[in-house]
């Protein structure tokens, strides 16, 4: 891991993902979590202030970056959330089948290298009656924006820690066995290639 990825990128991601429009999106979905919760891509812990501590029994924070967790740990302590950090990618989650009542993903699907195996792993650890709660940016509905997303994605991906601008979130959910009946979408304020958001809750078929 180079100097940029280890020292600069975690701070850049924390700053970018912590902008007000993104935080307002987190505030919409994170309080819905309950029971034993797996947050995939906990990063620097930006979601932690929005968990309802009276409803969350335990939080597993999955992330491959120990550098990001060093930022998240302070948030977890301050908000009295029982949190266990798991340093791992989502393609092989070290939890038993049917472990989690809720899985939280916010601005995570864009940067998982092997997204389909990861979503299948999430299905495995999620209880049959559990919920996947998500808020993601991805492929925009407007062709002009899509063209920019596709053109810029190779460079953006290198600079932004593997983040993809153009992942088709609804299709990814459907192809990996998730059903979502309440998905909402909108452009957030900002640079349009990176600000088309999808959010909602999904269950398994």
Protein backbone atom coordinates (compact mmCIF):
# COMPACT_ATOMS: atom_id res chain seq x y z
CA UNK A 1 0.00 0.00 0.00
CA UNK A 2 1.47 3.35 -1.07
CA UNK A 3 1.67 6.61 0.87
CA UNK A 4 -1.42 8.04 -0.87
CA UNK A 5 -3.62 5.00 -0.15
CA UNK A 6 -2.47 4.63 3.45
CA UNK A 7 -2.29 8.21 4.70
CA UNK A 8 -4.05 10.62 2.33
CA UNK A 9 -6.94 8.60 0.89
CA UNK A 10 -8.62 7.77 4.26
CA UNK A 11 -8.75 11.47 5.16
CA UNK A 12 -9.99 12.40 1.68
CA UNK A 13 -12.76 9.77 1.81
CA UNK A 14 -13.76 10.85 5.32
CA UNK A 15 -14.00 14.48 4.20
CA UNK A 16 -15.86 13.77 0.95
CA UNK A 17 -18.35 11.29 2.40
CA UNK A 18 -18.97 13.58 5.36
CA UNK A 19 -20.35 16.46 3.31
CA UNK A 20 -23.78 17.73 4.38
CA UNK A 21 -25.86 16.20 1.53
CA UNK A 22 -24.37 12.77 2.20
CA UNK A 23 -24.88 13.10 5.95
CA UNK A 24 -28.54 13.99 5.43
CA UNK A 25 -28.92 10.80 3.40
CA UNK A 26 -27.32 8.75 6.18
CA UNK A 27 -29.73 10.30 8.65
CA UNK A 28 -32.66 8.96 6.59
CA UNK A 29 -31.63 5.31 6.62
CA UNK A 30 -29.28 4.44 9.49
CA UNK A 31 -31.85 4.89 12.31
CA UNK A 32 -33.86 2.05 10.74
CA UNK A 33 -31.22 -0.49 11.82
CA UNK A 34 -32.04 -2.77 14.72
CA UNK A 35 -30.85 -5.92 16.46
CA UNK A 36 -27.47 -7.34 15.51
CA UNK A 37 -26.21 -5.05 12.76
CA UNK A 38 -23.47 -5.55 10.19
CA UNK A 39 -22.23 -2.36 8.59
CA UNK A 40 -20.36 -3.19 5.39
CA UNK A 41 -17.72 -0.57 4.73
CA UNK A 42 -17.91 1.20 8.08
CA UNK A 43 -15.01 3.39 6.99
CA UNK A 44 -14.42 6.26 9.38
CA UNK A 45 -17.69 5.68 11.25
CA UNK A 46 -19.75 8.48 9.73
CA UNK A 47 -22.95 6.46 10.29
CA UNK A 48 -22.36 5.82 13.98
CA UNK A 49 -24.00 9.04 15.30
CA UNK A 50 -27.24 8.07 13.53
CA UNK A 51 -27.72 4.61 15.06
CA UNK A 52 -30.45 4.35 17.68
CA UNK A 53 -28.50 2.84 20.58
CA UNK A 54 -31.75 1.61 22.18
CA UNK A 55 -32.46 -0.58 19.12
CA UNK A 56 -28.96 -1.81 18.20
CA UNK A 57 -27.84 -4.83 20.20
CA UNK A 58 -24.42 -5.14 18.58
CA UNK A 59 -22.64 -3.55 15.62
CA UNK A 60 -20.08 -5.32 13.49
CA UNK A 61 -18.08 -2.80 11.48
CA UNK A 62 -16.59 -4.48 8.42
CA UNK A 63 -13.82 -2.68 6.53
CA UNK A 64 -10.50 -3.70 4.96
CA UNK A 65 -8.81 -0.48 6.13
CA UNK A 66 -7.40 -0.32 9.64
CA UNK A 67 -6.52 3.33 8.96
CA UNK A 68 -10.23 4.14 8.55
CA UNK A 69 -11.16 2.26 11.72
CA UNK A 70 -8.79 4.38 13.77
CA UNK A 71 -11.08 7.32 12.93
CA UNK A 72 -14.28 5.30 13.53
CA UNK A 73 -13.28 4.03 16.97
CA UNK A 74 -13.67 7.46 18.55
CA UNK A 75 -17.20 7.82 17.16
CA UNK A 76 -18.22 4.42 18.52
CA UNK A 77 -16.94 5.24 22.00
CA UNK A 78 -18.64 8.62 22.11
CA UNK A 79 -22.05 7.25 21.07
CA UNK A 80 -22.04 4.17 23.33
CA UNK A 81 -22.56 1.67 20.52
CA UNK A 82 -21.26 -1.84 21.22
CA UNK A 83 -19.01 -2.10 18.16
CA UNK A 84 -16.71 -4.84 16.96
CA UNK A 85 -14.35 -4.03 14.10
CA UNK A 86 -13.71 -6.75 11.50
CA UNK A 87 -10.82 -6.02 9.19
CA UNK A 88 -11.95 -7.78 6.04
CA UNK A 89 -13.37 -7.25 2.59
CA UNK A 90 -17.03 -8.06 1.95
CA UNK A 91 -16.22 -10.88 -0.47
CA UNK A 92 -15.51 -13.23 2.48
CA UNK A 93 -17.31 -12.09 5.64
CA UNK A 94 -16.07 -13.98 8.73
CA UNK A 95 -19.52 -14.39 10.30
CA UNK A 96 -21.83 -17.39 10.53
CA UNK A 97 -24.88 -17.84 8.32
CA UNK A 98 -27.94 -15.88 9.48
CA UNK A 99 -25.93 -13.75 11.92
CA UNK A 100 -27.33 -10.27 11.26
CA UNK A 101 -30.79 -8.80 11.70
CA UNK A 102 -29.77 -5.76 9.64
CA UNK A 103 -27.06 -5.00 7.12
CA UNK A 104 -26.21 -1.34 6.49
CA UNK A 105 -24.45 -0.17 3.32
CA UNK A 106 -23.93 3.52 2.65
CA UNK A 107 -21.73 4.62 -0.25
CA UNK A 108 -20.12 1.18 -0.24
CA UNK A 109 -21.33 -0.75 -3.29
CA UNK A 110 -19.38 1.65 -5.50
CA UNK A 111 -15.98 0.58 -4.20
CA UNK A 112 -16.21 -3.17 -3.47
CA UNK A 113 -13.93 -4.81 -6.08
CA UNK A 114 -16.00 -7.99 -6.58
CA UNK A 115 -19.48 -6.71 -5.92
CA UNK A 116 -21.57 -9.77 -6.84
CA UNK A 117 -19.71 -12.25 -4.58
CA UNK A 118 -19.88 -9.62 -1.83
CA UNK A 119 -23.65 -9.26 -2.17
CA UNK A 120 -24.01 -13.04 -2.06
CA UNK A 121 -21.99 -13.07 1.17
CA UNK A 122 -24.27 -10.41 2.60
CA UNK A 123 -27.27 -12.59 1.77
CA UNK A 124 -25.59 -15.49 3.56
CA UNK A 125 -25.02 -13.64 6.84
CA UNK A 126 -28.40 -11.85 6.81
CA UNK A 127 -31.23 -13.61 8.63
CA UNK A 128 -34.16 -14.71 6.42
CA UNK A 129 -36.38 -12.01 7.91
CA UNK A 130 -33.58 -9.46 8.00
CA UNK A 131 -33.24 -6.21 6.08
CA UNK A 132 -30.53 -4.72 3.92
CA UNK A 133 -30.66 -0.94 4.37
CA UNK A 134 -28.74 1.00 1.75
CA UNK A 135 -27.92 4.44 0.41
CA UNK A 136 -25.65 4.48 -2.62
CA UNK A 137 -24.59 6.65 -5.52
CA UNK A 138 -24.49 5.10 -8.96
CA UNK A 139 -25.58 5.10 -12.56
CA UNK A 140 -27.58 8.24 -13.39
CA UNK A 141 -30.82 8.09 -15.41
CA UNK A 142 -29.79 10.85 -17.82
CA UNK A 143 -27.80 9.73 -20.86
CA UNK A 144 -25.66 12.86 -20.89
CA UNK A 145 -24.60 12.23 -17.28
CA UNK A 146 -24.07 8.53 -17.98
CA UNK A 147 -21.66 9.40 -20.78
CA UNK A 148 -19.56 11.49 -18.39
CA UNK A 149 -19.69 8.75 -15.77
CA UNK A 150 -18.41 6.18 -18.26
CA UNK A 151 -15.68 8.46 -19.62
CA UNK A 152 -14.36 9.53 -16.24
CA UNK A 153 -14.74 6.26 -14.35
CA UNK A 154 -11.28 4.77 -15.11
CA UNK A 155 -9.45 7.84 -13.78
CA UNK A 156 -11.93 8.45 -10.94
CA UNK A 157 -11.58 4.85 -9.78
CA UNK A 158 -7.81 5.18 -9.43
CA UNK A 159 -7.98 8.47 -7.52
CA UNK A 160 -10.94 7.59 -5.29
CA UNK A 161 -9.87 4.28 -3.80
CA UNK A 162 -11.70 2.02 -6.24
CA UNK A 163 -14.96 3.99 -6.28
CA UNK A 164 -17.04 3.51 -9.44
CA UNK A 165 -19.29 6.30 -10.67
CA UNK A 166 -21.59 4.15 -12.79
CA UNK A 167 -22.65 1.02 -10.94
CA UNK A 168 -26.32 0.11 -11.64
CA UNK A 169 -27.55 -0.29 -8.06
CA UNK A 170 -31.08 -1.65 -8.74
CA UNK A 171 -29.74 -4.28 -11.12
CA UNK A 172 -27.01 -5.35 -8.69
CA UNK A 173 -29.57 -5.88 -5.94
CA UNK A 174 -31.94 -7.84 -8.17
CA UNK A 175 -29.19 -9.99 -9.68
CA UNK A 176 -27.96 -11.07 -6.24
CA UNK A 177 -31.35 -12.03 -4.84
CA UNK A 178 -32.59 -8.87 -3.12
CA UNK A 179 -36.03 -7.38 -3.52
CA UNK A 180 -36.63 -3.69 -2.86
CA UNK A 181 -40.13 -2.19 -2.86
CA UNK A 182 -39.39 1.26 -1.44
CA UNK A 183 -36.39 2.49 -3.45
CA UNK A 184 -36.11 6.26 -3.78
CA UNK A 185 -33.79 8.22 -6.04
CA UNK A 186 -32.59 11.77 -6.53
CA UNK A 187 -29.61 13.90 -7.46
CA UNK A 188 -27.92 15.39 -4.42
CA UNK A 189 -26.44 18.88 -4.69
CA UNK A 190 -23.01 18.76 -6.28
CA UNK A 191 -21.17 17.25 -9.23
CA UNK A 192 -23.82 15.26 -11.11
CA UNK A 193 -21.68 12.29 -12.22
CA UNK A 194 -21.17 11.41 -8.54
CA UNK A 195 -24.42 12.52 -6.92
CA UNK A 196 -27.28 10.37 -8.22
CA UNK A 197 -28.48 8.49 -5.12
CA UNK A 198 -30.51 5.35 -4.53
CA UNK A 199 -31.78 4.45 -1.06
CA UNK A 200 -34.25 2.10 0.60
CA UNK A 201 -34.57 -1.31 2.25
CA UNK A 202 -34.26 -4.71 0.62
CA UNK A 203 -35.08 -8.26 1.64
CA UNK A 204 -34.10 -11.63 0.18
CA UNK A 205 -36.33 -13.61 -2.14
